Protein backbone atom coordinates (compact mmCIF):
# COMPACT_ATOMS: atom_id res chain seq x y z
CA MET A 1 129.97 65.52 95.28
CA ILE A 2 129.01 68.93 96.66
CA ARG A 3 131.00 70.19 99.60
CA ARG A 4 131.20 73.48 101.42
CA ARG A 5 134.54 75.31 101.19
CA ARG A 6 134.32 78.84 102.44
CA TYR A 7 131.72 79.01 105.17
CA SER A 8 131.15 76.96 108.29
CA ARG A 9 127.69 78.25 109.23
CA ILE A 10 125.06 79.25 106.68
CA GLY A 11 122.05 81.23 107.87
CA LEU A 12 118.73 81.31 106.02
CA VAL A 13 116.65 84.47 106.52
CA LEU A 14 112.96 84.33 105.58
CA GLY A 15 111.37 87.75 105.18
CA GLY A 16 107.82 88.84 105.95
CA GLY A 17 105.08 89.31 103.39
CA ALA A 18 101.95 87.50 104.60
CA ALA A 19 100.57 85.21 101.87
CA ARG A 20 103.64 85.82 99.71
CA GLY A 21 105.49 83.75 102.29
CA TRP A 22 104.46 80.52 100.57
CA ALA A 23 107.25 81.39 98.12
CA HIS A 24 109.67 80.46 100.92
CA ILE A 25 108.62 76.83 100.49
CA GLY A 26 109.73 76.76 96.86
CA ALA A 27 112.93 78.62 97.68
CA ILE A 28 113.90 76.14 100.40
CA ARG A 29 113.13 73.23 98.06
CA ALA A 30 115.38 74.70 95.37
CA LEU A 31 118.23 75.25 97.82
CA HIS A 32 117.99 71.66 99.04
CA ASP A 33 117.89 70.35 95.48
CA ALA A 34 121.14 72.22 94.87
CA GLY A 35 122.71 70.60 97.93
CA ILE A 36 122.56 73.79 100.03
CA LYS A 37 121.24 73.18 103.54
CA PRO A 38 121.38 76.06 106.04
CA ASP A 39 122.63 75.58 109.57
CA VAL A 40 120.36 78.18 111.19
CA VAL A 41 117.06 79.75 110.15
CA CYS A 42 115.30 82.90 111.28
CA GLY A 43 112.28 84.76 110.04
CA THR A 44 109.84 87.61 110.39
CA SER A 45 106.06 87.20 110.27
CA ILE A 46 105.14 84.55 107.67
CA GLY A 47 108.88 83.89 107.37
CA ALA A 48 108.90 82.95 111.06
CA LEU A 49 106.00 80.56 110.54
CA VAL A 50 107.56 78.84 107.53
CA GLY A 51 110.96 78.86 109.22
CA ALA A 52 109.61 77.20 112.36
CA VAL A 53 107.85 74.50 110.34
CA TYR A 54 111.04 73.93 108.35
CA ALA A 55 113.16 73.74 111.49
CA ASN A 56 110.70 71.20 112.85
CA GLY A 57 111.08 68.99 109.76
CA ASP A 58 107.49 69.48 108.59
CA LEU A 59 107.92 71.32 105.27
CA ASP A 60 106.22 68.48 103.35
CA TRP A 61 103.17 68.79 105.58
CA LEU A 62 103.05 72.57 105.15
CA GLU A 63 103.31 72.42 101.37
CA GLU A 64 100.56 69.84 101.18
CA TRP A 65 98.32 71.88 103.49
CA VAL A 66 98.76 75.24 101.75
CA SER A 67 98.25 73.62 98.36
CA ARG A 68 94.74 72.62 99.43
CA LEU A 69 93.73 76.08 100.65
CA THR A 70 90.82 77.83 98.95
CA TRP A 71 89.59 81.34 99.58
CA GLN A 72 86.62 79.91 101.46
CA THR A 73 88.96 77.87 103.69
CA VAL A 74 91.07 80.94 104.42
CA VAL A 75 88.04 83.01 105.44
CA ARG A 76 86.82 80.27 107.77
CA LEU A 77 90.25 80.09 109.43
CA LEU A 78 90.45 83.86 110.06
CA ASP A 79 88.09 84.48 112.97
CA LEU A 80 86.68 88.00 112.96
CA ARG A 81 86.78 90.10 116.13
CA LEU A 82 86.68 93.77 117.14
CA SER A 83 89.23 93.89 119.98
CA GLY A 84 92.93 94.49 119.32
CA GLY A 85 92.70 93.57 115.66
CA LEU A 86 90.31 92.68 112.87
CA LEU A 87 91.25 88.99 113.02
CA GLY A 88 91.97 86.86 116.05
CA GLY A 89 93.95 84.17 114.24
CA ARG A 90 93.03 81.62 116.93
CA LYS A 91 92.02 78.89 114.49
CA VAL A 92 95.18 79.21 112.42
CA ILE A 93 97.42 79.18 115.46
CA GLN A 94 95.62 76.17 116.90
CA LEU A 95 96.27 74.28 113.68
CA PHE A 96 100.00 74.87 113.99
CA ALA A 97 99.96 74.36 117.75
CA ASP A 98 98.64 70.85 117.19
CA LYS A 99 101.50 70.21 114.77
CA PHE A 100 104.22 71.55 117.09
CA ALA A 101 102.73 69.60 120.01
CA GLY A 102 104.05 71.93 122.71
CA ARG A 103 107.66 71.95 121.48
CA SER A 104 110.02 74.69 122.54
CA ILE A 105 112.40 76.43 120.16
CA ALA A 106 115.28 74.51 121.78
CA GLN A 107 113.63 71.24 120.72
CA LEU A 108 113.56 72.09 117.01
CA ASN A 109 115.90 70.27 114.63
CA MET A 110 117.99 73.39 113.97
CA PRO A 111 118.63 76.78 115.62
CA PHE A 112 115.68 79.11 115.00
CA ALA A 113 114.65 82.65 115.86
CA ALA A 114 111.51 84.70 115.20
CA VAL A 115 111.39 88.50 115.12
CA ALA A 116 108.61 90.53 116.72
CA THR A 117 108.24 94.21 117.65
CA GLU A 118 107.44 95.69 121.05
CA LEU A 119 104.30 97.75 120.57
CA ASP A 120 105.08 100.35 123.23
CA SER A 121 108.76 101.01 122.50
CA GLY A 122 109.12 99.96 118.86
CA ARG A 123 112.15 97.81 119.71
CA GLU A 124 112.63 94.58 117.82
CA SER A 125 112.53 91.41 119.86
CA TRP A 126 114.46 88.25 118.95
CA LEU A 127 112.51 85.22 120.16
CA GLN A 128 115.01 82.37 120.49
CA ASP A 129 113.64 80.34 123.39
CA GLY A 130 110.34 79.31 124.89
CA SER A 131 107.27 78.10 123.01
CA VAL A 132 107.54 77.85 119.22
CA VAL A 133 103.85 78.67 118.83
CA ASP A 134 104.04 81.75 121.04
CA ALA A 135 107.05 83.07 119.12
CA VAL A 136 105.38 82.58 115.75
CA ARG A 137 102.07 84.03 116.94
CA ALA A 138 103.84 87.19 118.09
CA SER A 139 105.84 87.52 114.90
CA ILE A 140 102.76 87.36 112.64
CA ALA A 141 100.64 89.83 114.63
CA ILE A 142 100.15 92.44 111.88
CA PRO A 143 98.87 95.61 113.63
CA GLY A 144 95.19 96.20 113.03
CA ILE A 145 94.80 92.76 111.44
CA PHE A 146 95.84 90.26 114.12
CA THR A 147 95.63 90.88 117.83
CA PRO A 148 98.90 91.69 119.67
CA VAL A 149 100.49 89.07 121.92
CA TRP A 150 101.32 89.61 125.60
CA HIS A 151 104.81 88.17 126.15
CA ASN A 152 107.11 88.65 129.14
CA GLY A 153 105.39 91.84 130.23
CA VAL A 154 105.16 93.58 126.84
CA TRP A 155 102.76 93.59 123.91
CA LEU A 156 104.36 92.18 120.77
CA VAL A 157 103.28 92.73 117.16
CA ASP A 158 104.56 91.82 113.71
CA GLY A 159 108.33 91.86 113.30
CA GLY A 160 107.93 93.55 109.93
CA LEU A 161 107.55 96.89 111.70
CA SER A 162 111.17 96.76 112.79
CA ASN A 163 113.07 94.13 110.77
CA PRO A 164 111.21 92.63 107.77
CA VAL A 165 114.23 90.68 106.47
CA PRO A 166 116.22 89.95 109.65
CA VAL A 167 119.77 89.56 108.37
CA SER A 168 121.07 90.96 111.65
CA VAL A 169 119.43 88.10 113.54
CA ALA A 170 121.21 85.49 111.44
CA ARG A 171 124.51 87.32 112.07
CA GLY A 172 123.70 87.26 115.77
CA MET A 173 123.21 83.50 115.50
CA ARG A 174 126.83 83.29 114.28
CA ALA A 175 126.07 82.69 110.61
CA ASP A 176 129.13 83.60 108.55
CA CYS A 177 127.16 83.48 105.29
CA VAL A 178 123.59 84.76 105.10
CA ILE A 179 121.10 83.83 102.39
CA ALA A 180 118.10 86.17 102.66
CA ILE A 181 114.75 85.99 100.86
CA ASP A 182 112.98 89.32 100.38
CA LEU A 183 109.34 88.88 99.30
CA ASN A 184 108.48 92.54 98.80
CA ASN A 185 110.90 93.85 96.22
CA ASP A 186 108.45 94.47 93.36
CA ILE A 187 105.07 94.89 95.03
CA LEU A 188 104.50 98.64 94.69
CA ASN A 189 102.46 98.67 91.48
CA GLY A 190 105.32 97.52 89.26
CA ARG A 191 107.62 100.46 90.02
CA ASP A 192 110.38 98.07 91.07
CA PHE A 193 110.62 95.87 87.99
CA GLY A 194 114.05 97.17 87.05
CA GLY A 195 112.70 99.47 84.37
CA ALA A 196 110.54 96.85 82.66
CA VAL A 197 107.12 98.05 81.55
CA VAL A 198 104.22 95.82 82.49
CA ASP A 199 101.26 95.99 80.14
CA THR A 200 97.96 95.98 81.98
CA PRO A 201 94.50 96.37 80.51
CA ALA A 202 92.71 99.69 80.87
CA ILE A 203 89.96 99.79 83.47
CA ASP A 204 86.66 101.52 82.89
CA PRO A 205 85.86 103.34 86.18
CA ASN A 206 82.15 103.20 85.30
CA ALA A 207 82.12 99.45 84.78
CA PRO A 208 80.51 97.36 87.54
CA PRO A 209 83.03 95.54 89.73
CA PRO A 210 83.40 91.79 89.24
CA VAL A 211 81.40 89.76 91.70
CA ALA A 212 82.90 86.90 93.72
CA LEU A 213 80.32 84.46 95.05
CA ARG A 214 80.38 82.55 98.29
CA ARG A 215 79.48 78.86 98.41
CA ASN A 216 75.89 79.80 99.23
CA GLY A 217 75.68 81.80 95.99
CA LYS A 218 75.68 85.19 97.69
CA PRO A 219 78.39 87.77 96.94
CA TRP A 220 81.24 88.44 99.34
CA PRO A 221 81.18 91.80 101.12
CA ARG A 222 83.38 94.15 99.09
CA TRP A 223 85.85 94.65 101.96
CA LEU A 224 86.38 90.87 102.18
CA ALA A 225 86.23 89.88 98.51
CA PRO A 226 89.01 87.55 97.37
CA ALA A 227 91.79 89.30 95.51
CA ASP A 228 91.66 87.00 92.50
CA ALA A 229 88.15 88.32 91.76
CA ARG A 230 89.70 91.71 91.05
CA PHE A 231 93.28 91.19 89.93
CA THR A 232 95.40 89.17 87.53
CA THR A 233 96.25 85.58 88.50
CA ASP A 234 99.94 86.07 87.67
CA VAL A 235 101.86 86.58 90.93
CA ARG A 236 104.56 88.43 89.00
CA VAL A 237 102.30 91.19 87.67
CA PRO A 238 100.81 93.74 90.10
CA PRO A 239 97.19 94.85 89.69
CA ALA A 240 96.45 97.82 87.47
CA PRO A 241 95.46 101.05 89.28
CA SER A 242 91.73 101.57 89.66
CA ALA A 243 89.69 104.76 90.01
CA ARG A 244 87.35 103.04 92.45
CA VAL A 245 87.61 103.81 96.15
CA PRO A 246 89.78 101.07 97.72
CA SER A 247 88.11 98.67 100.12
CA MET A 248 89.09 98.70 103.78
CA LEU A 249 91.32 95.63 103.50
CA SER A 250 92.86 96.88 100.26
CA SER A 251 93.82 100.15 101.93
CA ILE A 252 95.33 98.33 104.90
CA ALA A 253 97.16 95.87 102.67
CA GLN A 254 98.65 98.55 100.43
CA SER A 255 99.74 100.59 103.45
CA ILE A 256 101.46 97.54 104.93
CA ASP A 257 103.16 96.90 101.57
CA ILE A 258 104.54 100.45 101.47
CA MET A 259 105.82 100.18 105.02
CA GLN A 260 107.45 96.80 104.42
CA VAL A 261 109.24 97.92 101.26
CA ARG A 262 110.62 101.13 102.80
CA ILE A 263 111.81 99.47 106.01
CA THR A 264 113.27 96.51 104.14
CA ARG A 265 115.32 98.70 101.83
CA SER A 266 116.61 100.75 104.73
CA ARG A 267 117.62 97.73 106.81
CA LEU A 268 119.21 95.83 103.92
CA ALA A 269 121.23 98.90 102.93
CA GLY A 270 122.87 98.91 106.35
CA GLU A 271 122.83 95.14 106.96
CA PRO A 272 123.25 93.47 103.55
CA ALA A 273 122.94 89.74 103.07
CA ASP A 274 125.71 87.79 101.38
CA ILE A 275 123.12 86.40 98.97
CA LEU A 276 119.79 88.16 98.40
CA ILE A 277 116.96 86.32 96.67
CA GLN A 278 113.95 88.36 95.52
CA PRO A 279 111.01 86.42 94.04
CA ARG A 280 108.72 88.41 91.76
CA LEU A 281 105.43 88.49 93.65
CA GLY A 282 104.03 91.89 92.67
CA GLY A 283 100.66 90.47 91.63
CA MET A 284 100.03 88.64 94.90
CA GLY A 285 98.20 90.33 97.76
CA ILE A 286 98.99 89.81 101.42
CA PHE A 287 95.71 87.94 101.95
CA ASP A 288 96.03 85.62 98.94
CA PHE A 289 96.87 82.58 101.06
CA HIS A 290 94.88 80.39 98.66
CA ARG A 291 97.36 81.06 95.83
CA ALA A 292 100.12 78.84 97.13
CA ALA A 293 101.04 77.03 93.91
CA PRO A 294 102.21 80.07 91.88
CA ALA A 295 103.97 81.54 94.91
CA ILE A 296 105.87 78.31 95.60
CA GLU A 297 106.87 78.07 91.95
CA GLU A 298 108.10 81.67 91.91
CA GLY A 299 110.16 81.05 95.04
CA ARG A 300 111.80 78.07 93.40
CA ALA A 301 112.41 79.98 90.16
CA ALA A 302 114.03 82.89 92.03
CA VAL A 303 116.55 80.57 93.69
CA GLU A 304 117.28 78.66 90.48
CA HIS A 305 117.95 81.96 88.71
CA MET A 306 120.50 82.84 91.38
CA LEU A 307 122.15 79.42 91.65
CA PRO A 308 125.32 80.28 89.66
CA ALA A 309 125.96 83.26 91.96
CA ILE A 310 125.06 81.23 95.05
CA ARG A 311 127.43 78.40 94.12
CA SER A 312 130.19 80.87 93.37
CA ARG A 313 129.71 82.67 96.66
CA LEU A 314 129.63 79.47 98.67
CA GLY A 315 132.55 77.96 96.81
CA LEU A 316 130.70 74.79 95.90
CA GLU A 317 131.94 72.26 93.38
């Protein structure tokens, strides 16, 4: 029998990372399989979305839904607009709004908090009451990509600008042991692989780019082409550098990656988790929502790799 010895309140922190967030599903599964069930959950951006679904008891539904996603489905869900952000996100939010059925955060099965950032002041905002959907929508509002959210008299955007892996929030929710999942540890072109060298094929800058076709047989616009038409399918291996001019979305995505990594390292240095889990997701782009299966598997593998240390820290027998 597994029983908890040292800690009375375990907090699970789910970091931001857009499509890489599907790894949280595998990580939660692995923790549950090991008999480790957190008492509180908080998250930033995609971590807030997965955390809210988990706190609502709908992780099975989420895993089934993301496993069916294709690139074409993702594009149809992301409604294009030119005001406040490139994507409105209305269709995606409506999908989750239907699932939450108007529930408030207080009505979830476990304590939950989402992190957003005030656009005018830069202050982080802990959303711990009110509508679940509104809190998640604010937390995922990546600047320039999704439109900001007007909430209690301020504009809110993605929590990753201020607290990508919100350990401090879990501490504020009285967690005496914090398990944090950082999705962005190795995403900067393989420079964070702990010294390991990743072999990638050479790219001929004069070669024509690969063409990804839509369902109607026509090619995708280059700025919107699916990542797996250009990069490796292994989520652990980042794409090789290319001499071609980056597309608009690629430039935005890489800039967001750099920001997330730098802020995450700074915050975790001052506010360390008791247990830090870092899936290897360097080959997965922030818009690769259709690549759920490898991300989920990598999340599970990262937790299983850390299980001896987790059990030791928690004092489990």
